[in-house]
Every structure is written in C-alpha cells, then in structure tokens.
Amino acid sequence: MYVSLVNFFCTINKDLKKEFCCNGNVVQDNGLGEVIQLQGDQRKNVSHFLVIGGVVKKD
C-alpha cells in the first residue's frame, strides 16, 4: 500500500507541476506523512485541481 501511495503522490505532483508551471517535490514529514510542496502560493489552484479531478469532494 505504501508504494502505491508514494506513486500516487508522485503522479499528482507531476500533474500539478505541469498544470501550474511551477516546481515541486514530495517530502516526508514526521507529523503529516507524505507532503507535496509546490513553489509559490498554489493553495487555491491545488484545491480546484483536486476537486475537478475527483480526488476530493468540495466541502
């Protein structure tokens, strides 16, 4: 399961970097686990991207 989760984060990271023309990487955080870090303030863009892509539901 861990390998598929890492592959999922890497795939999402690749798509986000391509979509928003920014740099980013996946890092391991002690408290949060796998975290995607992107260059610049991409919070709204990522939120919209994940909702449109069907990864999460909008609350």
PDB file of N, CA and C in Angstrom:
ATOM      1  N   MET A   1       0.820  -1.195   0.000  1.00  0.00           N
ATOM      2  CA  MET A   1       0.000   0.000   0.000  1.00  0.00           C
ATOM      3  C   MET A   1       0.860   1.254   0.000  1.00  0.00           C
ATOM      4  N   TYR A   2       1.955   1.245   0.747  1.00  0.00           N
ATOM      5  CA  TYR A   2       2.815   2.417   0.833  1.00  0.00           C
ATOM      6  C   TYR A   2       3.392   2.779  -0.526  1.00  0.00           C
ATOM      7  N   VAL A   3       3.796   1.781  -1.294  1.00  0.00           N
ATOM      8  CA  VAL A   3       4.376   2.036  -2.615  1.00  0.00           C
ATOM      9  C   VAL A   3       3.350   2.685  -3.531  1.00  0.00           C
ATOM     10  N   SER A   4       2.115   2.199  -3.515  1.00  0.00           N
ATOM     11  CA  SER A   4       1.092   2.788  -4.366  1.00  0.00           C
ATOM     12  C   SER A   4       0.752   4.207  -3.922  1.00  0.00           C
ATOM     13  N   LEU A   5       0.819   4.482  -2.625  1.00  0.00           N
ATOM     14  CA  LEU A   5       0.559   5.829  -2.124  1.00  0.00           C
ATOM     15  C   LEU A   5       1.665   6.787  -2.563  1.00  0.00           C
ATOM     16  N   VAL A   6       2.905   6.340  -2.504  1.00  0.00           N
ATOM     17  CA  VAL A   6       4.027   7.165  -2.959  1.00  0.00           C
ATOM     18  C   VAL A   6       3.899   7.433  -4.455  1.00  0.00           C
ATOM     19  N   ASN A   7       3.536   6.406  -5.228  1.00  0.00           N
ATOM     20  CA  ASN A   7       3.344   6.596  -6.664  1.00  0.00           C
ATOM     21  C   ASN A   7       2.201   7.565  -6.931  1.00  0.00           C
ATOM     22  N   PHE A   8       1.137   7.512  -6.135  1.00  0.00           N
ATOM     23  CA  PHE A   8       0.018   8.431  -6.275  1.00  0.00           C
ATOM     24  C   PHE A   8       0.472   9.867  -6.055  1.00  0.00           C
ATOM     25  N   PHE A   9       1.231  10.108  -4.972  1.00  0.00           N
ATOM     26  CA  PHE A   9       1.724  11.449  -4.693  1.00  0.00           C
ATOM     27  C   PHE A   9       2.653  11.941  -5.796  1.00  0.00           C
ATOM     28  N   CYS A  10       3.514  11.075  -6.302  1.00  0.00           N
ATOM     29  CA  CYS A  10       4.429  11.466  -7.375  1.00  0.00           C
ATOM     30  C   CYS A  10       3.668  11.810  -8.651  1.00  0.00           C
ATOM     31  N   THR A  11       2.627  11.051  -8.953  1.00  0.00           N
ATOM     32  CA  THR A  11       1.818  11.323 -10.139  1.00  0.00           C
ATOM     33  C   THR A  11       1.071  12.642  -9.992  1.00  0.00           C
ATOM     34  N   ILE A  12       0.452  12.861  -8.841  1.00  0.00           N
ATOM     35  CA  ILE A  12      -0.254  14.118  -8.590  1.00  0.00           C
ATOM     36  C   ILE A  12       0.726  15.288  -8.657  1.00  0.00           C
ATOM     37  N   ASN A  13       1.900  15.125  -8.063  1.00  0.00           N
ATOM     38  CA  ASN A  13       2.917  16.171  -8.087  1.00  0.00           C
ATOM     39  C   ASN A  13       3.317  16.511  -9.520  1.00  0.00           C
ATOM     40  N   LYS A  14       3.530  15.505 -10.331  1.00  0.00           N
ATOM     41  CA  LYS A  14       3.908  15.718 -11.730  1.00  0.00           C
ATOM     42  C   LYS A  14       2.815  16.484 -12.474  1.00  0.00           C
ATOM     43  N   ASP A  15       1.566  16.098 -12.269  1.00  0.00           N
ATOM     44  CA  ASP A  15       0.445  16.772 -12.932  1.00  0.00           C
ATOM     45  C   ASP A  15       0.298  18.216 -12.453  1.00  0.00           C
ATOM     46  N   LEU A  16       0.468  18.449 -11.150  1.00  0.00           N
ATOM     47  CA  LEU A  16       0.364  19.804 -10.610  1.00  0.00           C
ATOM     48  C   LEU A  16       1.465  20.701 -11.161  1.00  0.00           C
ATOM     49  N   LYS A  17       2.692  20.192 -11.228  1.00  0.00           N
ATOM     50  CA  LYS A  17       3.794  20.987 -11.750  1.00  0.00           C
ATOM     51  C   LYS A  17       3.553  21.367 -13.206  1.00  0.00           C
ATOM     52  N   LYS A  18       3.032  20.433 -13.973  1.00  0.00           N
ATOM     53  CA  LYS A  18       2.762  20.701 -15.375  1.00  0.00           C
ATOM     54  C   LYS A  18       1.601  21.688 -15.538  1.00  0.00           C
ATOM     55  N   GLU A  19       0.560  21.522 -14.740  1.00  0.00           N
ATOM     56  CA  GLU A  19      -0.633  22.369 -14.843  1.00  0.00           C
ATOM     57  C   GLU A  19      -0.349  23.820 -14.438  1.00  0.00           C
ATOM     58  N   PHE A  20       0.433  24.014 -13.370  1.00  0.00           N
ATOM     59  CA  PHE A  20       0.642  25.358 -12.835  1.00  0.00           C
ATOM     60  C   PHE A  20       1.997  25.949 -13.181  1.00  0.00           C
ATOM     61  N   CYS A  21       2.783  25.256 -13.991  1.00  0.00           N
ATOM     62  CA  CYS A  21       4.100  25.753 -14.422  1.00  0.00           C
ATOM     63  C   CYS A  21       4.949  26.186 -13.229  1.00  0.00           C
ATOM     64  N   CYS A  22       5.097  25.279 -12.267  1.00  0.00           N
ATOM     65  CA  CYS A  22       5.903  25.590 -11.091  1.00  0.00           C
ATOM     66  C   CYS A  22       6.747  24.367 -10.742  1.00  0.00           C
ATOM     67  N   ASN A  23       7.663  24.556  -9.833  1.00  0.00           N
ATOM     68  CA  ASN A  23       8.498  23.464  -9.365  1.00  0.00           C
ATOM     69  C   ASN A  23       7.882  22.884  -8.099  1.00  0.00           C
ATOM     70  N   GLY A  24       8.132  21.610  -7.832  1.00  0.00           N
ATOM     71  CA  GLY A  24       7.611  20.992  -6.629  1.00  0.00           C
ATOM     72  C   GLY A  24       8.237  19.637  -6.378  1.00  0.00           C
ATOM     73  N   ASN A  25       8.033  19.119  -5.174  1.00  0.00           N
ATOM     74  CA  ASN A  25       8.532  17.789  -4.835  1.00  0.00           C
ATOM     75  C   ASN A  25       7.682  17.178  -3.735  1.00  0.00           C
ATOM     76  N   VAL A  26       7.879  15.900  -3.507  1.00  0.00           N
ATOM     77  CA  VAL A  26       7.188  15.168  -2.448  1.00  0.00           C
ATOM     78  C   VAL A  26       8.201  14.916  -1.337  1.00  0.00           C
ATOM     79  N   VAL A  27       7.860  15.331  -0.113  1.00  0.00           N
ATOM     80  CA  VAL A  27       8.759  15.156   1.021  1.00  0.00           C
ATOM     81  C   VAL A  27       8.049  14.372   2.123  1.00  0.00           C
ATOM     82  N   GLN A  28       8.832  13.757   2.975  1.00  0.00           N
ATOM     83  CA  GLN A  28       8.314  13.005   4.116  1.00  0.00           C
ATOM     84  C   GLN A  28       8.336  13.905   5.342  1.00  0.00           C
ATOM     85  N   ASP A  29       7.170  14.134   5.954  1.00  0.00           N
ATOM     86  CA  ASP A  29       7.053  14.936   7.165  1.00  0.00           C
ATOM     87  C   ASP A  29       6.746  14.017   8.330  1.00  0.00           C
ATOM     88  N   ASN A  30       7.363  14.277   9.483  1.00  0.00           N
ATOM     89  CA  ASN A  30       7.156  13.415  10.653  1.00  0.00           C
ATOM     90  C   ASN A  30       5.710  13.414  11.119  1.00  0.00           C
ATOM     91  N   GLY A  31       5.066  14.549  11.114  1.00  0.00           N
ATOM     92  CA  GLY A  31       3.701  14.640  11.619  1.00  0.00           C
ATOM     93  C   GLY A  31       2.625  14.374  10.579  1.00  0.00           C
ATOM     94  N   LEU A  32       2.892  14.737   9.330  1.00  0.00           N
ATOM     95  CA  LEU A  32       1.868  14.656   8.294  1.00  0.00           C
ATOM     96  C   LEU A  32       2.043  13.509   7.296  1.00  0.00           C
ATOM     97  N   GLY A  33       3.198  12.908   7.257  1.00  0.00           N
ATOM     98  CA  GLY A  33       3.461  11.845   6.282  1.00  0.00           C
ATOM     99  C   GLY A  33       3.973  12.443   4.981  1.00  0.00           C
ATOM    100  N   GLU A  34       3.514  11.908   3.855  1.00  0.00           N
ATOM    101  CA  GLU A  34       3.929  12.424   2.551  1.00  0.00           C
ATOM    102  C   GLU A  34       3.258  13.765   2.287  1.00  0.00           C
ATOM    103  N   VAL A  35       4.054  14.756   1.884  1.00  0.00           N
ATOM    104  CA  VAL A  35       3.553  16.102   1.632  1.00  0.00           C
ATOM    105  C   VAL A  35       4.063  16.570   0.280  1.00  0.00           C
ATOM    106  N   ILE A  36       3.178  17.171  -0.514  1.00  0.00           N
ATOM    107  CA  ILE A  36       3.584  17.765  -1.782  1.00  0.00           C
ATOM    108  C   ILE A  36       3.887  19.233  -1.528  1.00  0.00           C
ATOM    109  N   GLN A  37       5.088  19.658  -1.893  1.00  0.00           N
ATOM    110  CA  GLN A  37       5.480  21.056  -1.767  1.00  0.00           C
ATOM    111  C   GLN A  37       5.590  21.648  -3.162  1.00  0.00           C
ATOM    112  N   LEU A  38       4.914  22.780  -3.381  1.00  0.00           N
ATOM    113  CA  LEU A  38       4.964  23.469  -4.662  1.00  0.00           C
ATOM    114  C   LEU A  38       5.527  24.865  -4.478  1.00  0.00           C
ATOM    115  N   GLN A  39       6.160  25.380  -5.508  1.00  0.00           N
ATOM    116  CA  GLN A  39       6.717  26.715  -5.481  1.00  0.00           C
ATOM    117  C   GLN A  39       5.594  27.740  -5.641  1.00  0.00           C
ATOM    118  N   GLY A  40       5.589  28.749  -4.803  1.00  0.00           N
ATOM    119  CA  GLY A  40       4.582  29.805  -4.887  1.00  0.00           C
ATOM    120  C   GLY A  40       3.322  29.446  -4.111  1.00  0.00           C
ATOM    121  N   ASP A  41       2.375  30.372  -4.098  1.00  0.00           N
ATOM    122  CA  ASP A  41       1.113  30.164  -3.385  1.00  0.00           C
ATOM    123  C   ASP A  41       0.122  29.497  -4.330  1.00  0.00           C
ATOM    124  N   GLN A  42       0.025  28.188  -4.264  1.00  0.00           N
ATOM    125  CA  GLN A  42      -0.817  27.407  -5.171  1.00  0.00           C
ATOM    126  C   GLN A  42      -2.019  26.799  -4.451  1.00  0.00           C
ATOM    127  N   ARG A  43      -2.352  27.276  -3.267  1.00  0.00           N
ATOM    128  CA  ARG A  43      -3.408  26.656  -2.452  1.00  0.00           C
ATOM    129  C   ARG A  43      -4.748  26.604  -3.173  1.00  0.00           C
ATOM    130  N   LYS A  44      -5.195  27.712  -3.711  1.00  0.00           N
ATOM    131  CA  LYS A  44      -6.490  27.733  -4.403  1.00  0.00           C
ATOM    132  C   LYS A  44      -6.447  26.897  -5.673  1.00  0.00           C
ATOM    133  N   ASN A  45      -5.338  26.983  -6.399  1.00  0.00           N
ATOM    134  CA  ASN A  45      -5.194  26.205  -7.630  1.00  0.00           C
ATOM    135  C   ASN A  45      -5.232  24.706  -7.350  1.00  0.00           C
ATOM    136  N   VAL A  46      -4.519  24.274  -6.320  1.00  0.00           N
ATOM    137  CA  VAL A  46      -4.477  22.853  -5.978  1.00  0.00           C
ATOM    138  C   VAL A  46      -5.847  22.379  -5.504  1.00  0.00           C
ATOM    139  N   SER A  47      -6.499  23.185  -4.705  1.00  0.00           N
ATOM    140  CA  SER A  47      -7.842  22.830  -4.233  1.00  0.00           C
ATOM    141  C   SER A  47      -8.785  22.616  -5.407  1.00  0.00           C
ATOM    142  N   HIS A  48      -8.793  23.549  -6.337  1.00  0.00           N
ATOM    143  CA  HIS A  48      -9.659  23.449  -7.514  1.00  0.00           C
ATOM    144  C   HIS A  48      -9.274  22.236  -8.368  1.00  0.00           C
ATOM    145  N   PHE A  49      -7.982  22.011  -8.547  1.00  0.00           N
ATOM    146  CA  PHE A  49      -7.479  20.886  -9.339  1.00  0.00           C
ATOM    147  C   PHE A  49      -7.941  19.550  -8.760  1.00  0.00           C
ATOM    148  N   LEU A  50      -7.855  19.394  -7.433  1.00  0.00           N
ATOM    149  CA  LEU A  50      -8.235  18.139  -6.789  1.00  0.00           C
ATOM    150  C   LEU A  50      -9.745  17.906  -6.833  1.00  0.00           C
ATOM    151  N   VAL A  51     -10.532  18.967  -6.736  1.00  0.00           N
ATOM    152  CA  VAL A  51     -11.990  18.835  -6.818  1.00  0.00           C
ATOM    153  C   VAL A  51     -12.407  18.474  -8.241  1.00  0.00           C
ATOM    154  N   ILE A  52     -11.871  19.181  -9.231  1.00  0.00           N
ATOM    155  CA  ILE A  52     -12.206  18.912 -10.633  1.00  0.00           C
ATOM    156  C   ILE A  52     -11.758  17.506 -11.040  1.00  0.00           C
ATOM    157  N   GLY A  53     -10.603  17.077 -10.527  1.00  0.00           N
ATOM    158  CA  GLY A  53     -10.075  15.754 -10.853  1.00  0.00           C
ATOM    159  C   GLY A  53     -10.788  14.618 -10.135  1.00  0.00           C
ATOM    160  N   GLY A  54     -11.667  14.930  -9.191  1.00  0.00           N
ATOM    161  CA  GLY A  54     -12.400  13.902  -8.475  1.00  0.00           C
ATOM    162  C   GLY A  54     -11.625  13.227  -7.367  1.00  0.00           C
ATOM    163  N   VAL A  55     -10.513  13.811  -6.971  1.00  0.00           N
ATOM    164  CA  VAL A  55      -9.705  13.230  -5.898  1.00  0.00           C
ATOM    165  C   VAL A  55     -10.363  13.472  -4.546  1.00  0.00           C
ATOM    166  N   VAL A  56     -10.926  14.676  -4.373  1.00  0.00           N
ATOM    167  CA  VAL A  56     -11.616  15.037  -3.135  1.00  0.00           C
ATOM    168  C   VAL A  56     -12.946  15.686  -3.474  1.00  0.00           C
ATOM    169  N   LYS A  57     -13.829  15.755  -2.468  1.00  0.00           N
ATOM    170  CA  LYS A  57     -15.104  16.446  -2.633  1.00  0.00           C
ATOM    171  C   LYS A  57     -15.008  17.811  -1.974  1.00  0.00           C
ATOM    172  N   LYS A  58     -15.669  18.786  -2.572  1.00  0.00           N
ATOM    173  CA  LYS A  58     -15.656  20.128  -2.015  1.00  0.00           C
ATOM    174  C   LYS A  58     -16.593  20.186  -0.817  1.00  0.00           C
ATOM    175  N   ASP A  59     -16.092  20.747   0.277  1.00  0.00           N
ATOM    176  CA  ASP A  59     -16.913  20.863   1.492  1.00  0.00           C
ATOM    177  C   ASP A  59     -17.625  22.182   1.528  1.00  0.00           C
TER     178      ASP A  59
END
